[in-house]
C-alpha atoms as a PDB file:
ATOM      1  CA  MET A   1      -1.499  -5.817  -3.412  1.00  0.00           C
ATOM      2  CA  PHE A   2      -0.016  -9.597  -3.439  1.00  0.00           C
ATOM      3  CA  CYS A   3       1.797  -9.894  -0.007  1.00  0.00           C
ATOM      4  CA  ASP A   4       4.576  -8.825   1.843  1.00  0.00           C
ATOM      5  CA  ALA A   5       7.004 -11.258  -0.096  1.00  0.00           C
ATOM      6  CA  LEU A   6       7.142  -9.505  -3.553  1.00  0.00           C
ATOM      7  CA  CYS A   7      10.367 -10.468  -5.062  1.00  0.00           C
ATOM      8  CA  PHE A   8      12.107  -7.652  -7.403  1.00  0.00           C
ATOM      9  CA  ASP A   9      14.634  -8.692 -10.289  1.00  0.00           C
ATOM     10  CA  GLN A  10      13.833 -12.433 -10.584  1.00  0.00           C
ATOM     11  CA  PRO A  11      14.310 -14.536 -12.805  1.00  0.00           C
ATOM     12  CA  ARG A  12      10.347 -15.445 -13.509  1.00  0.00           C
ATOM     13  CA  THR A  13       7.092 -13.396 -12.899  1.00  0.00           C
ATOM     14  CA  PHE A  14       3.913 -15.338 -12.053  1.00  0.00           C
ATOM     15  CA  VAL A  15       1.030 -14.870  -9.947  1.00  0.00           C
ATOM     16  CA  ASP A  16       0.263 -17.721  -7.978  1.00  0.00           C
ATOM     17  CA  LEU A  17      -3.587 -17.993  -6.862  1.00  0.00           C
ATOM     18  CA  SER A  18      -5.232 -20.579  -4.327  1.00  0.00           C
ATOM     19  CA  LEU A  19      -7.626 -22.783  -5.462  1.00  0.00           C
ATOM     20  CA  GLU A  20     -10.453 -21.165  -3.101  1.00  0.00           C
ATOM     21  CA  CYS A  21     -10.307 -18.068  -5.988  1.00  0.00           C
ATOM     22  CA  ALA A  22     -12.174 -20.528  -8.272  1.00  0.00           C
ATOM     23  CA  ALA A  23     -14.720 -22.053  -6.032  1.00  0.00           C
ATOM     24  CA  CYS A  24     -15.936 -18.052  -5.390  1.00  0.00           C
ATOM     25  CA  PRO A  25     -19.197 -17.398  -6.936  1.00  0.00           C
ATOM     26  CA  SER A  26     -19.917 -15.094  -9.937  1.00  0.00           C
ATOM     27  CA  CYS A  27     -21.230 -11.772  -8.260  1.00  0.00           C
ATOM     28  CA  ARG A  28     -21.843 -10.402 -11.606  1.00  0.00           C
ATOM     29  CA  ARG A  29     -25.160 -10.110 -13.577  1.00  0.00           C
ATOM     30  CA  PRO A  30     -24.514 -11.063 -17.689  1.00  0.00           C
ATOM     31  CA  THR A  31     -25.176  -7.490 -18.604  1.00  0.00           C
ATOM     32  CA  THR A  32     -21.794  -6.580 -16.869  1.00  0.00           C
ATOM     33  CA  LEU A  33     -20.218  -9.653 -17.234  1.00  0.00           C
ATOM     34  CA  LYS A  34     -18.462  -8.371 -20.345  1.00  0.00           C
ATOM     35  CA  THR A  35     -17.248  -5.309 -19.204  1.00  0.00           C
ATOM     36  CA  PHE A  36     -15.843  -7.111 -16.294  1.00  0.00           C
ATOM     37  CA  LEU A  37     -13.563  -9.963 -18.192  1.00  0.00           C
ATOM     38  CA  ARG A  38     -12.442  -7.298 -20.466  1.00  0.00           C
ATOM     39  CA  GLU A  39     -10.934  -5.625 -16.995  1.00  0.00           C
ATOM     40  CA  VAL A  40      -9.785  -8.546 -15.441  1.00  0.00           C
ATOM     41  CA  PRO A  41      -5.962  -8.722 -16.501  1.00  0.00           C
ATOM     42  CA  ALA A  42      -5.816  -5.047 -16.038  1.00  0.00           C
ATOM     43  CA  ASN A  43      -6.529  -5.412 -12.323  1.00  0.00           C
ATOM     44  CA  PHE A  44      -5.125  -8.057 -11.200  1.00  0.00           C
ATOM     45  CA  ILE A  45      -2.025  -5.535 -11.453  1.00  0.00           C
ATOM     46  CA  VAL A  46      -3.550  -2.419 -10.785  1.00  0.00           C
ATOM     47  CA  LYS A  47      -5.960  -2.836  -7.726  1.00  0.00           C
ATOM     48  CA  TYR A  48      -9.043  -1.629  -8.621  1.00  0.00           C
ATOM     49  CA  ARG A  49     -10.007   1.359  -7.012  1.00  0.00           C
ATOM     50  CA  ASN A  50     -12.889   2.846  -5.302  1.00  0.00           C
ATOM     51  CA  PRO A  51     -12.450   6.420  -4.319  1.00  0.00           C
ATOM     52  CA  ASP A  52     -15.580   5.999  -1.495  1.00  0.00           C
ATOM     53  CA  SER A  53     -13.772   3.173   0.509  1.00  0.00           C
ATOM     54  CA  ILE A  54     -12.708   3.821   3.501  1.00  0.00           C
ATOM     55  CA  ALA A  55      -8.674   2.957   2.525  1.00  0.00           C
ATOM     56  CA  ALA A  56      -8.971   5.875   0.549  1.00  0.00           C
ATOM     57  CA  ARG A  57     -10.486   8.628   2.868  1.00  0.00           C
ATOM     58  CA  VAL A  58      -7.924   7.193   5.250  1.00  0.00           C
ATOM     59  CA  ARG A  59      -5.036   7.468   2.422  1.00  0.00           C
ATOM     60  CA  LYS A  60      -6.256  10.958   1.758  1.00  0.00           C
ATOM     61  CA  ARG A  61      -5.898  12.360   4.915  1.00  0.00           C
ATOM     62  CA  LEU A  62      -2.181  10.980   5.445  1.00  0.00           C
ATOM     63  CA  ARG A  63      -1.161  12.563   2.185  1.00  0.00           C
ATOM     64  CA  GLN A  64      -2.384  15.862   3.967  1.00  0.00           C
ATOM     65  CA  THR A  65       0.145  15.114   7.141  1.00  0.00           C
ATOM     66  CA  ARG A  66       4.032  14.658   7.627  1.00  0.00           C
ATOM     67  CA  PRO A  67       4.598  10.665   8.314  1.00  0.00           C
ATOM     68  CA  SER A  68       6.074  12.100  11.362  1.00  0.00           C
ATOM     69  CA  ASP A  69       2.445  13.765  12.161  1.00  0.00           C
ATOM     70  CA  TRP A  70       0.400  10.645  11.488  1.00  0.00           C
ATOM     71  CA  PRO A  71      -2.413  10.453  14.031  1.00  0.00           C
ATOM     72  CA  GLU A  72      -2.968   6.790  16.074  1.00  0.00           C
ATOM     73  CA  GLY A  73      -5.878   4.498  14.748  1.00  0.00           C
ATOM     74  CA  GLU A  74      -8.263   6.386  17.505  1.00  0.00           C
ATOM     75  CA  ARG A  75      -7.520   9.807  15.429  1.00  0.00           C
ATOM     76  CA  ILE A  76      -8.069   9.155  12.226  1.00  0.00           C
ATOM     77  CA  ALA A  77     -11.325   7.287  13.057  1.00  0.00           C
ATOM     78  CA  ALA A  78     -12.372  10.298  14.708  1.00  0.00           C
ATOM     79  CA  ALA A  79     -11.843  12.170  11.657  1.00  0.00           C
ATOM     80  CA  LEU A  80     -13.425  10.041   9.887  1.00  0.00           C
ATOM     81  CA  ASN A  81     -16.953  10.541  11.878  1.00  0.00           C
ATOM     82  CA  MET A  82     -16.430   6.756  13.480  1.00  0.00           C
ATOM     83  CA  GLY A  83     -15.388   4.710  16.347  1.00  0.00           C
ATOM     84  CA  GLU A  84     -11.937   3.053  15.864  1.00  0.00           C
ATOM     85  CA  ALA A  85     -13.336  -0.421  16.235  1.00  0.00           C
ATOM     86  CA  THR A  86     -15.491   0.682  13.347  1.00  0.00           C
ATOM     87  CA  LEU A  87     -12.963   1.713  11.427  1.00  0.00           C
ATOM     88  CA  ARG A  88     -11.093  -1.350  12.205  1.00  0.00           C
ATOM     89  CA  ARG A  89     -13.820  -3.644  11.155  1.00  0.00           C
ATOM     90  CA  ARG A  90     -14.558  -1.908   7.586  1.00  0.00           C
ATOM     91  CA  LEU A  91     -10.556  -1.808   6.467  1.00  0.00           C
ATOM     92  CA  LYS A  92     -10.526  -5.338   7.720  1.00  0.00           C
ATOM     93  CA  GLN A  93     -13.614  -5.668   4.751  1.00  0.00           C
ATOM     94  CA  GLU A  94     -11.553  -4.088   2.375  1.00  0.00           C
ATOM     95  CA  GLY A  95      -8.617  -6.350   3.514  1.00  0.00           C
ATOM     96  CA  LEU A  96      -6.408  -3.640   4.927  1.00  0.00           C
ATOM     97  CA  THR A  97      -5.492  -2.812   8.484  1.00  0.00           C
ATOM     98  CA  TYR A  98      -4.380   1.044   9.051  1.00  0.00           C
ATOM     99  CA  GLN A  99      -1.145   0.237   9.712  1.00  0.00           C
ATOM    100  CA  ALA A 100      -0.841  -1.557   5.957  1.00  0.00           C
ATOM    101  CA  ILE A 101      -1.889   1.880   4.571  1.00  0.00           C
ATOM    102  CA  LYS A 102       0.598   3.975   6.891  1.00  0.00           C
ATOM    103  CA  ASP A 103       3.260   1.213   5.549  1.00  0.00           C
ATOM    104  CA  ALA A 104       2.152   1.257   1.875  1.00  0.00           C
ATOM    105  CA  LEU A 105       2.071   4.950   1.713  1.00  0.00           C
ATOM    106  CA  ARG A 106       5.618   5.238   3.456  1.00  0.00           C
ATOM    107  CA  ARG A 107       6.898   2.624   0.668  1.00  0.00           C
ATOM    108  CA  ASP A 108       5.185   4.812  -1.969  1.00  0.00           C
ATOM    109  CA  LEU A 109       7.244   7.905  -0.162  1.00  0.00           C
ATOM    110  CA  ALA A 110      10.259   6.217  -0.040  1.00  0.00           C
ATOM    111  CA  ILE A 111      10.757   5.117  -3.297  1.00  0.00           C
ATOM    112  CA  SER A 112       9.760   8.660  -4.860  1.00  0.00           C
ATOM    113  CA  ARG A 113      11.796  10.380  -2.782  1.00  0.00           C
ATOM    114  CA  LEU A 114      14.518   8.242  -3.963  1.00  0.00           C
ATOM    115  CA  ALA A 115      13.845   8.731  -7.395  1.00  0.00           C
ATOM    116  CA  ASP A 116      12.803  11.918  -8.192  1.00  0.00           C
ATOM    117  CA  THR A 117      15.403  13.722  -5.213  1.00  0.00           C
ATOM    118  CA  GLN A 118      18.305  13.924  -3.968  1.00  0.00           C
ATOM    119  CA  GLU A 119      17.959  13.870  -0.341  1.00  0.00           C
ATOM    120  CA  THR A 120      20.284  11.644   1.970  1.00  0.00           C
ATOM    121  CA  ILE A 121      18.881   8.817   3.204  1.00  0.00           C
ATOM    122  CA  PRO A 122      19.275  10.047   6.602  1.00  0.00           C
ATOM    123  CA  ARG A 123      16.968  13.675   5.472  1.00  0.00           C
ATOM    124  CA  ILE A 124      14.201  10.976   3.432  1.00  0.00           C
ATOM    125  CA  ALA A 125      14.037   8.776   7.282  1.00  0.00           C
ATOM    126  CA  ASP A 126      13.340  11.540   8.933  1.00  0.00           C
ATOM    127  CA  ALA A 127      10.989  12.642   6.804  1.00  0.00           C
ATOM    128  CA  LEU A 128       8.879   9.535   6.621  1.00  0.00           C
ATOM    129  CA  GLY A 129       8.886   9.623  10.705  1.00  0.00           C
ATOM    130  CA  PHE A 130      11.575   7.305  11.069  1.00  0.00           C
ATOM    131  CA  ALA A 131      13.305   7.014  14.011  1.00  0.00           C
ATOM    132  CA  GLU A 132      16.710   6.437  12.760  1.00  0.00           C
ATOM    133  CA  PRO A 133      17.916   5.834   9.205  1.00  0.00           C
ATOM    134  CA  SER A 134      19.208   2.169  10.007  1.00  0.00           C
ATOM    135  CA  ALA A 135      15.125   1.507  10.551  1.00  0.00           C
ATOM    136  CA  PHE A 136      14.509   3.306   7.142  1.00  0.00           C
ATOM    137  CA  ARG A 137      17.517   0.737   5.617  1.00  0.00           C
ATOM    138  CA  ARG A 138      15.909  -2.028   7.460  1.00  0.00           C
ATOM    139  CA  ALA A 139      12.055  -1.246   6.222  1.00  0.00           C
ATOM    140  CA  PHE A 140      12.940   0.182   2.551  1.00  0.00           C
ATOM    141  CA  ARG A 141      14.542  -3.759   2.628  1.00  0.00           C
ATOM    142  CA  LYS A 142      11.828  -5.007   3.493  1.00  0.00           C
ATOM    143  CA  TRP A 143       9.748  -3.767   0.732  1.00  0.00           C
ATOM    144  CA  THR A 144      11.823  -3.919  -1.881  1.00  0.00           C
ATOM    145  CA  GLY A 145      14.254  -6.719  -1.542  1.00  0.00           C
ATOM    146  CA  MET A 146      17.310  -3.772  -2.120  1.00  0.00           C
ATOM    147  CA  ARG A 147      18.628  -1.305  -0.035  1.00  0.00           C
ATOM    148  CA  PRO A 148      17.656   2.365  -0.580  1.00  0.00           C
ATOM    149  CA  ALA A 149      21.374   2.773  -2.251  1.00  0.00           C
ATOM    150  CA  ASP A 150      21.237   0.464  -4.718  1.00  0.00           C
ATOM    151  CA  TYR A 151      17.666   1.070  -5.467  1.00  0.00           C
ATOM    152  CA  ARG A 152      18.496   5.021  -6.813  1.00  0.00           C
ATOM    153  CA  ARG A 153      21.845   3.553  -8.458  1.00  0.00           C
ATOM    154  CA  GLY A 154      19.438   1.522 -10.669  1.00  0.00           C
ATOM    155  CA  ARG A 155      17.435   4.012 -11.225  1.00  0.00           C
END
């Protein structure tokens, strides 16, 4: 949700928001503002979920398929009854790309498999569609800042 440079096990935890955020106009009505402000702290940590968003629909389609069989952008767009350019534009409006959704889903699946199974690293890498275990190890380290084996041991 925040950035690609997340670091785990750091001495401090913080969220650094740009000054432009403070200048954004409020799009809330007075009747909904109180509820919004009550929920805002949690929404900084847990991204607001819109089950009807294009990103949610893409994630749902991808979850129904093995990662090694995930379709290219053109095919997923067709499955959602839209053109590829429309899919890209609508995802951009939500602050995402198709590749970012696939990467995040792969990361979540990797973490789940490492935490909940005894599958070997090469088997997990293969199941997630990585050509080589080394590519999976590099991606996992980029996602979490640690090696898959270290993550598993730390659990």
